[in-house]
Amino acid sequence: MKQPEKYRTIIIEPSEIIREGSKLFLEKNPCFQVTACFPDLQSFEDKIIKEDVQIILFNPAIIKFYKPAGIRNLFAGYPGVCLIAILYQYVDPETLQNFDGILDIYDEGRMIPQKVIKIIETAQQKNNRPIENVELSDREKDILIAVAKGLQNKEIAEKLHISTHTVISHRKNIVHKTGIKTVSGLTLYALFNNLVSQDELL
């Protein structure tokens, strides 16, 4: 695999001190370029990053509303991305299994770039863990598309000629399969899986 000129990196971390500190230490190394920083997952989901991203550093504590198995699907639009946890409090092992590596709050700042490069190399040797393909039924895809377009349950039911109860049932299945609960997260998932185009959402 050809190494990029710079590892383009996104940081998602609620603490400004840790967020900016991580950025500072990474960018001291010419191999890294931090292209965006976000205080939370919602801010990240609200902004679609069009450029290639090789690394996403984020605090796993901010994904408490997501199922551990659905974590990597949050970043389905970044195939092959190296997912690294910023850790400074207890996170259950099941959640951490979804990451390629961990940056600990007690890591020496000057060692952070080398540690991240080592995590990337290890992930590449394992060919990166593939993002699990979520198998949605055709009807679930129809409903996901409607949700992404901003339709409410009643409107979806009328459009698809089904009951509101059936729409709610399908939406629960979609959340269960993807592990994504927010409308913005589902919209992002639909975009990155080519179920809708950005033009359709304008």
N, C-alpha and C. Protein backbone atom coordinates (compact mmCIF):
# COMPACT_ATOMS: atom_id res chain seq x y z
N MET A 1 0.84 -1.19 0.00
CA MET A 1 0.00 0.00 0.00
C MET A 1 0.88 1.24 0.00
N LYS A 2 0.65 2.15 -0.94
CA LYS A 2 1.45 3.36 -1.04
C LYS A 2 1.15 4.29 0.13
N GLN A 3 2.21 4.75 0.79
CA GLN A 3 2.02 5.65 1.92
C GLN A 3 1.68 7.04 1.41
N PRO A 4 0.65 7.69 1.95
CA PRO A 4 0.30 9.03 1.50
C PRO A 4 1.37 10.04 1.91
N GLU A 5 1.41 11.19 1.20
CA GLU A 5 2.38 12.24 1.55
C GLU A 5 2.15 12.68 3.00
N LYS A 6 0.88 12.82 3.36
CA LYS A 6 0.52 13.14 4.74
C LYS A 6 -0.66 12.28 5.14
N TYR A 7 -0.70 11.89 6.40
CA TYR A 7 -1.86 11.17 6.92
C TYR A 7 -2.90 12.22 7.31
N ARG A 8 -3.96 12.32 6.49
CA ARG A 8 -5.02 13.28 6.80
C ARG A 8 -5.86 12.73 7.95
N THR A 9 -6.05 13.56 8.96
CA THR A 9 -6.60 13.12 10.24
C THR A 9 -7.76 13.99 10.69
N ILE A 10 -8.77 13.34 11.27
CA ILE A 10 -9.89 14.04 11.91
C ILE A 10 -9.83 13.71 13.41
N ILE A 11 -10.07 14.71 14.24
CA ILE A 11 -10.12 14.50 15.69
C ILE A 11 -11.52 14.85 16.19
N ILE A 12 -12.13 13.92 16.94
CA ILE A 12 -13.45 14.15 17.54
C ILE A 12 -13.29 13.96 19.05
N GLU A 13 -13.30 15.07 19.77
CA GLU A 13 -12.99 15.04 21.20
C GLU A 13 -13.63 16.24 21.88
N PRO A 14 -14.44 16.02 22.94
CA PRO A 14 -15.13 17.13 23.59
C PRO A 14 -14.22 18.10 24.34
N SER A 15 -13.09 17.63 24.86
CA SER A 15 -12.19 18.51 25.61
C SER A 15 -11.32 19.31 24.65
N GLU A 16 -11.45 20.64 24.70
CA GLU A 16 -10.67 21.49 23.79
C GLU A 16 -9.17 21.33 24.04
N ILE A 17 -8.79 21.20 25.31
CA ILE A 17 -7.37 21.05 25.64
C ILE A 17 -6.80 19.78 25.00
N ILE A 18 -7.51 18.67 25.15
CA ILE A 18 -7.03 17.40 24.59
C ILE A 18 -7.11 17.43 23.06
N ARG A 19 -8.18 18.00 22.54
CA ARG A 19 -8.36 18.10 21.08
C ARG A 19 -7.21 18.89 20.46
N GLU A 20 -6.96 20.08 20.99
CA GLU A 20 -5.92 20.94 20.42
C GLU A 20 -4.53 20.40 20.73
N GLY A 21 -4.37 19.78 21.90
CA GLY A 21 -3.08 19.18 22.23
C GLY A 21 -2.73 18.03 21.30
N SER A 22 -3.72 17.18 21.01
CA SER A 22 -3.51 16.06 20.08
C SER A 22 -3.13 16.58 18.70
N LYS A 23 -3.83 17.62 18.28
CA LYS A 23 -3.53 18.23 16.96
C LYS A 23 -2.11 18.78 16.94
N LEU A 24 -1.75 19.50 17.99
CA LEU A 24 -0.42 20.10 18.06
C LEU A 24 0.68 19.05 17.98
N PHE A 25 0.56 17.99 18.79
CA PHE A 25 1.61 16.98 18.81
C PHE A 25 1.67 16.21 17.49
N LEU A 26 0.52 15.93 16.88
CA LEU A 26 0.54 15.23 15.60
C LEU A 26 1.19 16.07 14.51
N GLU A 27 0.83 17.35 14.46
CA GLU A 27 1.32 18.20 13.36
C GLU A 27 2.77 18.64 13.55
N LYS A 28 3.36 18.29 14.68
CA LYS A 28 4.80 18.50 14.83
C LYS A 28 5.57 17.54 13.92
N ASN A 29 4.89 16.46 13.54
CA ASN A 29 5.48 15.48 12.63
C ASN A 29 4.98 15.77 11.22
N PRO A 30 5.86 15.91 10.24
CA PRO A 30 5.44 16.27 8.87
C PRO A 30 4.59 15.20 8.18
N CYS A 31 4.46 14.02 8.80
CA CYS A 31 3.64 12.96 8.20
C CYS A 31 2.14 13.21 8.39
N PHE A 32 1.77 14.15 9.26
CA PHE A 32 0.36 14.32 9.63
C PHE A 32 -0.18 15.69 9.24
N GLN A 33 -1.44 15.67 8.84
CA GLN A 33 -2.18 16.91 8.60
C GLN A 33 -3.57 16.73 9.22
N VAL A 34 -3.88 17.51 10.25
CA VAL A 34 -5.20 17.44 10.86
C VAL A 34 -6.13 18.33 10.05
N THR A 35 -7.07 17.69 9.34
CA THR A 35 -7.92 18.45 8.41
C THR A 35 -9.15 19.03 9.09
N ALA A 36 -9.58 18.45 10.23
CA ALA A 36 -10.76 18.96 10.93
C ALA A 36 -10.78 18.45 12.35
N CYS A 37 -11.33 19.28 13.25
CA CYS A 37 -11.52 18.89 14.66
C CYS A 37 -12.98 19.17 15.03
N PHE A 38 -13.58 18.27 15.78
CA PHE A 38 -14.97 18.41 16.20
C PHE A 38 -15.11 18.12 17.69
N PRO A 39 -16.00 18.84 18.38
CA PRO A 39 -16.19 18.59 19.81
C PRO A 39 -17.08 17.40 20.11
N ASP A 40 -17.87 16.97 19.10
CA ASP A 40 -18.79 15.85 19.32
C ASP A 40 -19.14 15.20 18.00
N LEU A 41 -19.82 14.05 18.10
CA LEU A 41 -20.18 13.29 16.91
C LEU A 41 -21.20 14.01 16.05
N GLN A 42 -22.11 14.75 16.69
CA GLN A 42 -23.13 15.49 15.96
C GLN A 42 -22.49 16.52 15.03
N SER A 43 -21.50 17.24 15.53
CA SER A 43 -20.80 18.24 14.71
C SER A 43 -20.12 17.57 13.52
N PHE A 44 -19.53 16.38 13.77
CA PHE A 44 -18.88 15.63 12.69
C PHE A 44 -19.91 15.20 11.65
N GLU A 45 -21.06 14.68 12.12
CA GLU A 45 -22.09 14.20 11.20
C GLU A 45 -22.69 15.34 10.38
N ASP A 46 -22.73 16.54 10.96
CA ASP A 46 -23.33 17.68 10.27
C ASP A 46 -22.45 18.20 9.13
N LYS A 47 -21.17 17.89 9.17
CA LYS A 47 -20.26 18.35 8.12
C LYS A 47 -19.72 17.16 7.36
N ILE A 48 -20.00 17.12 6.07
CA ILE A 48 -19.51 16.02 5.25
C ILE A 48 -18.12 16.38 4.73
N ILE A 49 -17.13 15.58 5.11
CA ILE A 49 -15.75 15.81 4.68
C ILE A 49 -15.56 15.11 3.33
N LYS A 50 -15.26 15.87 2.31
CA LYS A 50 -15.18 15.29 0.97
C LYS A 50 -13.80 14.69 0.66
N GLU A 51 -12.76 15.18 1.34
CA GLU A 51 -11.43 14.68 1.02
C GLU A 51 -11.17 13.34 1.69
N ASP A 52 -10.15 12.65 1.19
CA ASP A 52 -9.77 11.37 1.78
C ASP A 52 -9.24 11.58 3.19
N VAL A 53 -9.59 10.68 4.06
CA VAL A 53 -9.12 10.73 5.45
C VAL A 53 -8.55 9.37 5.79
N GLN A 54 -7.35 9.36 6.35
CA GLN A 54 -6.71 8.08 6.70
C GLN A 54 -6.89 7.72 8.17
N ILE A 55 -7.06 8.74 9.04
CA ILE A 55 -7.11 8.49 10.47
C ILE A 55 -8.26 9.27 11.10
N ILE A 56 -9.00 8.62 11.99
CA ILE A 56 -9.97 9.32 12.82
C ILE A 56 -9.64 9.00 14.28
N LEU A 57 -9.30 10.06 15.01
CA LEU A 57 -9.06 9.94 16.46
C LEU A 57 -10.30 10.41 17.17
N PHE A 58 -10.86 9.59 18.03
CA PHE A 58 -11.99 10.12 18.78
C PHE A 58 -12.18 9.43 20.11
N ASN A 59 -12.86 10.16 20.99
CA ASN A 59 -13.10 9.71 22.35
C ASN A 59 -14.30 8.75 22.35
N PRO A 60 -14.10 7.48 22.67
CA PRO A 60 -15.20 6.51 22.62
C PRO A 60 -16.31 6.80 23.62
N ALA A 61 -16.05 7.66 24.61
CA ALA A 61 -17.09 7.98 25.60
C ALA A 61 -18.25 8.74 24.96
N ILE A 62 -18.02 9.36 23.79
CA ILE A 62 -19.09 10.15 23.16
C ILE A 62 -20.05 9.29 22.35
N ILE A 63 -19.80 8.00 22.27
CA ILE A 63 -20.68 7.14 21.48
C ILE A 63 -21.54 6.25 22.36
N LYS A 64 -21.86 6.73 23.55
CA LYS A 64 -22.62 5.91 24.50
C LYS A 64 -24.01 5.55 24.00
N PHE A 65 -24.53 6.31 23.01
CA PHE A 65 -25.87 6.02 22.50
C PHE A 65 -25.83 5.05 21.32
N TYR A 66 -24.65 4.60 20.94
CA TYR A 66 -24.51 3.68 19.82
C TYR A 66 -24.10 2.30 20.32
N LYS A 67 -24.57 1.29 19.62
CA LYS A 67 -24.16 -0.06 19.94
C LYS A 67 -22.70 -0.24 19.53
N PRO A 68 -21.89 -0.93 20.33
CA PRO A 68 -20.48 -1.12 19.97
C PRO A 68 -20.29 -1.68 18.56
N ALA A 69 -21.15 -2.63 18.16
CA ALA A 69 -21.01 -3.25 16.84
C ALA A 69 -21.26 -2.27 15.70
N GLY A 70 -21.93 -1.16 16.00
CA GLY A 70 -22.24 -0.20 14.94
C GLY A 70 -21.25 0.94 14.83
N ILE A 71 -20.22 0.94 15.67
CA ILE A 71 -19.28 2.06 15.71
C ILE A 71 -18.62 2.28 14.36
N ARG A 72 -18.08 1.23 13.77
CA ARG A 72 -17.35 1.41 12.51
C ARG A 72 -18.30 1.83 11.39
N ASN A 73 -19.57 1.45 11.50
CA ASN A 73 -20.52 1.87 10.48
C ASN A 73 -20.77 3.38 10.50
N LEU A 74 -20.48 4.03 11.61
CA LEU A 74 -20.59 5.49 11.67
C LEU A 74 -19.63 6.15 10.69
N PHE A 75 -18.56 5.41 10.37
CA PHE A 75 -17.53 5.95 9.49
C PHE A 75 -17.47 5.18 8.18
N ALA A 76 -18.63 4.69 7.75
CA ALA A 76 -18.70 3.89 6.53
C ALA A 76 -18.26 4.67 5.30
N GLY A 77 -18.32 5.99 5.37
CA GLY A 77 -17.90 6.81 4.24
C GLY A 77 -16.40 6.94 4.11
N TYR A 78 -15.67 6.35 5.04
CA TYR A 78 -14.22 6.42 5.02
C TYR A 78 -13.64 5.01 5.02
N PRO A 79 -13.79 4.29 3.90
CA PRO A 79 -13.32 2.90 3.86
C PRO A 79 -11.82 2.81 4.12
N GLY A 80 -11.44 1.87 4.96
CA GLY A 80 -10.03 1.66 5.26
C GLY A 80 -9.46 2.64 6.27
N VAL A 81 -10.30 3.52 6.83
CA VAL A 81 -9.80 4.50 7.79
C VAL A 81 -9.29 3.80 9.04
N CYS A 82 -8.23 4.35 9.62
CA CYS A 82 -7.68 3.82 10.87
C CYS A 82 -8.38 4.53 12.02
N LEU A 83 -9.06 3.78 12.85
CA LEU A 83 -9.87 4.33 13.93
C LEU A 83 -9.10 4.19 15.24
N ILE A 84 -8.80 5.33 15.88
CA ILE A 84 -7.98 5.31 17.10
C ILE A 84 -8.74 5.98 18.23
N ALA A 85 -8.82 5.29 19.37
CA ALA A 85 -9.52 5.82 20.54
C ALA A 85 -8.61 6.73 21.35
N ILE A 86 -9.15 7.90 21.75
CA ILE A 86 -8.47 8.77 22.72
C ILE A 86 -9.04 8.38 24.08
N LEU A 87 -8.19 7.87 24.94
CA LEU A 87 -8.69 7.23 26.16
C LEU A 87 -8.20 7.94 27.42
N TYR A 88 -9.14 8.37 28.27
CA TYR A 88 -8.76 8.89 29.58
C TYR A 88 -9.79 8.58 30.65
N GLN A 89 -10.66 7.62 30.35
CA GLN A 89 -11.59 7.11 31.35
C GLN A 89 -11.95 5.69 30.95
N TYR A 90 -12.65 4.98 31.83
CA TYR A 90 -12.95 3.59 31.54
C TYR A 90 -13.89 3.46 30.34
N VAL A 91 -13.53 2.57 29.43
CA VAL A 91 -14.37 2.21 28.29
C VAL A 91 -14.38 0.69 28.23
N ASP A 92 -15.55 0.11 28.05
CA ASP A 92 -15.63 -1.35 28.10
C ASP A 92 -14.86 -1.99 26.94
N PRO A 93 -14.28 -3.16 27.18
CA PRO A 93 -13.47 -3.84 26.17
C PRO A 93 -14.21 -4.10 24.86
N GLU A 94 -15.52 -4.38 24.94
CA GLU A 94 -16.29 -4.65 23.72
C GLU A 94 -16.26 -3.46 22.78
N THR A 95 -16.35 -2.26 23.34
CA THR A 95 -16.29 -1.04 22.54
C THR A 95 -14.90 -0.86 21.94
N LEU A 96 -13.87 -1.07 22.75
CA LEU A 96 -12.49 -0.85 22.28
C LEU A 96 -12.07 -1.83 21.19
N GLN A 97 -12.74 -2.97 21.10
CA GLN A 97 -12.42 -3.94 20.05
C GLN A 97 -12.69 -3.38 18.65
N ASN A 98 -13.49 -2.33 18.56
CA ASN A 98 -13.83 -1.75 17.27
C ASN A 98 -12.80 -0.74 16.77
N PHE A 99 -11.77 -0.50 17.59
CA PHE A 99 -10.72 0.45 17.23
C PHE A 99 -9.46 -0.27 16.79
N ASP A 100 -8.66 0.41 15.97
CA ASP A 100 -7.39 -0.16 15.53
C ASP A 100 -6.29 0.06 16.54
N GLY A 101 -6.50 1.03 17.45
CA GLY A 101 -5.49 1.31 18.46
C GLY A 101 -5.99 2.34 19.45
N ILE A 102 -5.16 2.62 20.46
CA ILE A 102 -5.56 3.52 21.55
C ILE A 102 -4.44 4.52 21.82
N LEU A 103 -4.83 5.80 21.98
CA LEU A 103 -3.94 6.82 22.51
C LEU A 103 -4.37 7.07 23.94
N ASP A 104 -3.47 6.91 24.87
CA ASP A 104 -3.78 7.10 26.28
C ASP A 104 -3.41 8.51 26.71
N ILE A 105 -4.17 9.08 27.61
CA ILE A 105 -3.93 10.44 28.10
C ILE A 105 -2.53 10.58 28.70
N TYR A 106 -1.96 9.47 29.16
CA TYR A 106 -0.64 9.52 29.78
C TYR A 106 0.50 9.25 28.80
N ASP A 107 0.18 9.07 27.51
CA ASP A 107 1.25 8.92 26.51
C ASP A 107 2.06 10.22 26.43
N GLU A 108 3.37 10.09 26.27
CA GLU A 108 4.20 11.28 26.10
C GLU A 108 3.83 11.97 24.80
N GLY A 109 3.68 13.29 24.84
CA GLY A 109 3.28 14.04 23.65
C GLY A 109 4.18 13.81 22.46
N ARG A 110 5.49 13.78 22.71
CA ARG A 110 6.44 13.64 21.59
C ARG A 110 6.38 12.25 20.97
N MET A 111 5.80 11.29 21.72
CA MET A 111 5.72 9.92 21.20
C MET A 111 4.42 9.64 20.45
N ILE A 112 3.47 10.57 20.51
CA ILE A 112 2.16 10.34 19.89
C ILE A 112 2.26 10.05 18.39
N PRO A 113 2.99 10.87 17.60
CA PRO A 113 3.06 10.57 16.16
C PRO A 113 3.61 9.18 15.86
N GLN A 114 4.68 8.79 16.59
CA GLN A 114 5.27 7.47 16.36
C GLN A 114 4.29 6.36 16.73
N LYS A 115 3.55 6.57 17.82
CA LYS A 115 2.58 5.56 18.24
C LYS A 115 1.46 5.42 17.20
N VAL A 116 0.99 6.56 16.66
CA VAL A 116 -0.07 6.52 15.65
C VAL A 116 0.43 5.82 14.39
N ILE A 117 1.65 6.12 13.97
CA ILE A 117 2.22 5.46 12.78
C ILE A 117 2.30 3.95 13.00
N LYS A 118 2.70 3.54 14.21
CA LYS A 118 2.77 2.10 14.53
C LYS A 118 1.38 1.45 14.45
N ILE A 119 0.36 2.15 14.95
CA ILE A 119 -1.02 1.64 14.88
C ILE A 119 -1.44 1.48 13.42
N ILE A 120 -1.11 2.49 12.60
CA ILE A 120 -1.48 2.44 11.17
C ILE A 120 -0.80 1.25 10.50
N GLU A 121 0.49 1.08 10.76
CA GLU A 121 1.23 -0.03 10.14
C GLU A 121 0.65 -1.37 10.54
N THR A 122 0.31 -1.52 11.81
CA THR A 122 -0.28 -2.78 12.29
C THR A 122 -1.63 -3.03 11.63
N ALA A 123 -2.44 -1.96 11.51
CA ALA A 123 -3.76 -2.09 10.88
C ALA A 123 -3.62 -2.47 9.41
N GLN A 124 -2.62 -1.88 8.74
CA GLN A 124 -2.41 -2.19 7.32
C GLN A 124 -1.96 -3.63 7.13
N GLN A 125 -1.15 -4.13 8.06
CA GLN A 125 -0.70 -5.52 7.97
C GLN A 125 -1.88 -6.48 8.11
N LYS A 126 -2.88 -6.05 8.86
CA LYS A 126 -4.08 -6.87 9.01
C LYS A 126 -5.10 -6.54 7.92
N ASN A 127 -4.66 -5.71 6.94
CA ASN A 127 -5.53 -5.24 5.86
C ASN A 127 -6.70 -4.44 6.37
N ASN A 128 -6.52 -3.81 7.54
CA ASN A 128 -7.60 -3.08 8.21
C ASN A 128 -8.80 -4.00 8.38
N ARG A 129 -9.45 -3.90 9.43
CA ARG A 129 -10.67 -4.64 9.68
C ARG A 129 -11.73 -4.08 8.75
N PRO A 130 -12.35 -4.89 7.88
CA PRO A 130 -13.35 -4.33 6.98
C PRO A 130 -14.59 -3.86 7.73
N ILE A 131 -15.19 -2.79 7.22
CA ILE A 131 -16.45 -2.33 7.80
C ILE A 131 -17.52 -3.35 7.46
N GLU A 132 -18.24 -3.77 8.46
CA GLU A 132 -19.26 -4.79 8.24
C GLU A 132 -20.35 -4.26 7.31
N ASN A 133 -20.68 -5.08 6.32
CA ASN A 133 -21.78 -4.70 5.45
C ASN A 133 -23.09 -4.99 6.16
N VAL A 134 -23.90 -3.97 6.30
CA VAL A 134 -25.20 -4.14 6.94
C VAL A 134 -26.20 -4.51 5.87
N GLU A 135 -26.87 -5.62 6.05
CA GLU A 135 -27.85 -6.08 5.07
C GLU A 135 -29.22 -5.52 5.41
N LEU A 136 -29.59 -4.46 4.73
CA LEU A 136 -30.93 -3.90 4.89
C LEU A 136 -31.83 -4.47 3.80
N SER A 137 -33.08 -4.74 4.16
CA SER A 137 -34.04 -5.21 3.15
C SER A 137 -34.38 -4.05 2.22
N ASP A 138 -34.99 -4.36 1.08
CA ASP A 138 -35.38 -3.31 0.13
C ASP A 138 -36.33 -2.32 0.80
N ARG A 139 -37.25 -2.82 1.60
CA ARG A 139 -38.20 -1.93 2.27
C ARG A 139 -37.49 -1.05 3.30
N GLU A 140 -36.53 -1.62 4.02
CA GLU A 140 -35.76 -0.83 4.98
C GLU A 140 -34.96 0.26 4.28
N LYS A 141 -34.43 -0.07 3.10
CA LYS A 141 -33.71 0.95 2.32
C LYS A 141 -34.65 2.07 1.89
N ASP A 142 -35.87 1.70 1.46
CA ASP A 142 -36.86 2.72 1.07
C ASP A 142 -37.13 3.67 2.24
N ILE A 143 -37.28 3.09 3.41
CA ILE A 143 -37.59 3.90 4.59
C ILE A 143 -36.38 4.74 5.00
N LEU A 144 -35.19 4.16 4.93
CA LEU A 144 -33.98 4.91 5.24
C LEU A 144 -33.83 6.12 4.31
N ILE A 145 -34.11 5.92 3.04
CA ILE A 145 -34.04 7.01 2.06
C ILE A 145 -35.03 8.11 2.42
N ALA A 146 -36.24 7.71 2.79
CA ALA A 146 -37.26 8.68 3.17
C ALA A 146 -36.86 9.44 4.43
N VAL A 147 -36.28 8.74 5.39
CA VAL A 147 -35.81 9.39 6.62
C VAL A 147 -34.72 10.41 6.28
N ALA A 148 -33.80 10.01 5.41
CA ALA A 148 -32.70 10.90 5.01
C ALA A 148 -33.24 12.15 4.32
N LYS A 149 -34.35 12.01 3.64
CA LYS A 149 -34.96 13.16 2.94
C LYS A 149 -35.82 14.02 3.86
N GLY A 150 -35.86 13.63 5.14
CA GLY A 150 -36.55 14.45 6.12
C GLY A 150 -38.02 14.16 6.32
N LEU A 151 -38.51 13.05 5.79
CA LEU A 151 -39.93 12.72 5.95
C LEU A 151 -40.21 12.16 7.35
N GLN A 152 -41.39 12.48 7.87
CA GLN A 152 -41.82 11.96 9.16
C GLN A 152 -42.49 10.60 8.96
N ASN A 153 -42.69 9.87 10.05
CA ASN A 153 -43.26 8.51 9.96
C ASN A 153 -44.58 8.48 9.19
N LYS A 154 -45.47 9.42 9.48
CA LYS A 154 -46.77 9.45 8.82
C LYS A 154 -46.62 9.69 7.32
N GLU A 155 -45.71 10.59 6.96
CA GLU A 155 -45.47 10.89 5.54
C GLU A 155 -44.87 9.68 4.82
N ILE A 156 -43.98 8.98 5.51
CA ILE A 156 -43.37 7.78 4.92
C ILE A 156 -44.44 6.71 4.69
N ALA A 157 -45.31 6.56 5.69
CA ALA A 157 -46.39 5.57 5.59
C ALA A 157 -47.30 5.86 4.39
N GLU A 158 -47.65 7.12 4.22
CA GLU A 158 -48.52 7.50 3.09
C GLU A 158 -47.81 7.29 1.75
N LYS A 159 -46.55 7.65 1.70
CA LYS A 159 -45.79 7.52 0.45
C LYS A 159 -45.61 6.06 0.04
N LEU A 160 -45.37 5.18 1.03
CA LEU A 160 -45.09 3.77 0.72
C LEU A 160 -46.33 2.88 0.85
N HIS A 161 -47.47 3.52 1.20
CA HIS A 161 -48.74 2.79 1.31
C HIS A 161 -48.67 1.66 2.35
N ILE A 162 -48.09 2.00 3.50
CA ILE A 162 -48.03 1.06 4.61
C ILE A 162 -48.47 1.80 5.87
N SER A 163 -48.65 1.07 6.96
CA SER A 163 -49.10 1.71 8.20
C SER A 163 -47.94 2.41 8.91
N THR A 164 -48.29 3.37 9.73
CA THR A 164 -47.27 4.06 10.53
C THR A 164 -46.58 3.08 11.47
N HIS A 165 -47.35 2.14 12.01
CA HIS A 165 -46.78 1.11 12.88
C HIS A 165 -45.69 0.32 12.14
N THR A 166 -45.93 -0.01 10.87
CA THR A 166 -44.95 -0.76 10.07
C THR A 166 -43.70 0.08 9.84
N VAL A 167 -43.88 1.37 9.60
CA VAL A 167 -42.73 2.27 9.42
C VAL A 167 -41.88 2.28 10.68
N ILE A 168 -42.52 2.41 11.84
CA ILE A 168 -41.79 2.45 13.11
C ILE A 168 -41.05 1.13 13.33
N SER A 169 -41.69 0.03 13.00
CA SER A 169 -41.06 -1.28 13.14
C SER A 169 -39.81 -1.40 12.27
N HIS A 170 -39.94 -0.94 11.02
CA HIS A 170 -38.78 -0.98 10.11
C HIS A 170 -37.66 -0.06 10.61
N ARG A 171 -38.03 1.10 11.14
CA ARG A 171 -37.02 2.03 11.64
C ARG A 171 -36.25 1.43 12.82
N LYS A 172 -36.96 0.69 13.67
CA LYS A 172 -36.30 0.01 14.78
C LYS A 172 -35.31 -1.02 14.26
N ASN A 173 -35.70 -1.73 13.20
CA ASN A 173 -34.80 -2.73 12.60
C ASN A 173 -33.56 -2.07 12.01
N ILE A 174 -33.76 -0.91 11.38
CA ILE A 174 -32.63 -0.18 10.78
C ILE A 174 -31.65 0.24 11.87
N VAL A 175 -32.18 0.77 12.96
CA VAL A 175 -31.33 1.18 14.09
C VAL A 175 -30.60 -0.02 14.67
N HIS A 176 -31.31 -1.14 14.81
CA HIS A 176 -30.71 -2.36 15.35
C HIS A 176 -29.57 -2.85 14.46
N LYS A 177 -29.77 -2.82 13.15
CA LYS A 177 -28.76 -3.34 12.22
C LYS A 177 -27.55 -2.42 12.09
N THR A 178 -27.80 -1.13 12.04
CA THR A 178 -26.70 -0.18 11.82
C THR A 178 -26.05 0.30 13.10
N GLY A 179 -26.82 0.25 14.21
CA GLY A 179 -26.31 0.79 15.46
C GLY A 179 -26.36 2.31 15.50
N ILE A 180 -27.04 2.93 14.53
CA ILE A 180 -27.12 4.39 14.43
C ILE A 180 -28.53 4.84 14.79
N LYS A 181 -28.63 5.76 15.76
CA LYS A 181 -29.94 6.17 16.25
C LYS A 181 -30.39 7.55 15.76
N THR A 182 -29.45 8.43 15.44
CA THR A 182 -29.84 9.79 15.08
C THR A 182 -30.20 9.89 13.60
N VAL A 183 -31.10 10.82 13.29
CA VAL A 183 -31.49 11.05 11.89
C VAL A 183 -30.28 11.51 11.09
N SER A 184 -29.47 12.40 11.68
CA SER A 184 -28.30 12.89 10.95
C SER A 184 -27.31 11.75 10.67
N GLY A 185 -27.16 10.85 11.64
CA GLY A 185 -26.28 9.70 11.42
C GLY A 185 -26.79 8.78 10.34
N LEU A 186 -28.10 8.53 10.33
CA LEU A 186 -28.70 7.68 9.29
C LEU A 186 -28.61 8.35 7.93
N THR A 187 -28.76 9.67 7.90
CA THR A 187 -28.63 10.40 6.63
C THR A 187 -27.22 10.25 6.08
N LEU A 188 -26.24 10.40 6.96
CA LEU A 188 -24.84 10.24 6.56
C LEU A 188 -24.59 8.82 6.05
N TYR A 189 -25.17 7.85 6.75
CA TYR A 189 -25.03 6.45 6.33
C TYR A 189 -25.63 6.25 4.94
N ALA A 190 -26.82 6.82 4.70
CA ALA A 190 -27.47 6.69 3.40
C ALA A 190 -26.65 7.34 2.29
N LEU A 191 -26.05 8.50 2.60
CA LEU A 191 -25.21 9.19 1.62
C LEU A 191 -24.00 8.35 1.25
N PHE A 192 -23.31 7.86 2.27
CA PHE A 192 -22.06 7.15 2.04
C PHE A 192 -22.27 5.77 1.41
N ASN A 193 -23.49 5.26 1.50
CA ASN A 193 -23.79 3.97 0.88
C ASN A 193 -24.56 4.14 -0.43
N ASN A 194 -24.53 5.38 -0.95
CA ASN A 194 -25.11 5.69 -2.27
C ASN A 194 -26.60 5.38 -2.38
N LEU A 195 -27.30 5.49 -1.26
CA LEU A 195 -28.76 5.31 -1.29
C LEU A 195 -29.44 6.61 -1.68
N VAL A 196 -28.80 7.71 -1.38
CA VAL A 196 -29.28 9.04 -1.79
C VAL A 196 -28.09 9.87 -2.23
N SER A 197 -28.34 10.90 -3.02
CA SER A 197 -27.28 11.82 -3.40
C SER A 197 -27.44 13.10 -2.59
N GLN A 198 -26.37 13.86 -2.51
CA GLN A 198 -26.41 15.10 -1.74
C GLN A 198 -27.43 16.07 -2.35
N ASP A 199 -27.57 16.03 -3.68
CA ASP A 199 -28.52 16.91 -4.36
C ASP A 199 -29.96 16.64 -3.92
N GLU A 200 -30.26 15.37 -3.63
CA GLU A 200 -31.61 15.01 -3.21
C GLU A 200 -31.96 15.54 -1.82
N LEU A 201 -30.91 15.90 -1.07
CA LEU A 201 -31.14 16.36 0.30
C LEU A 201 -31.17 17.88 0.42
N LEU A 202 -30.89 18.55 -0.68
CA LEU A 202 -30.90 20.03 -0.65
C LEU A 202 -32.30 20.57 -0.66
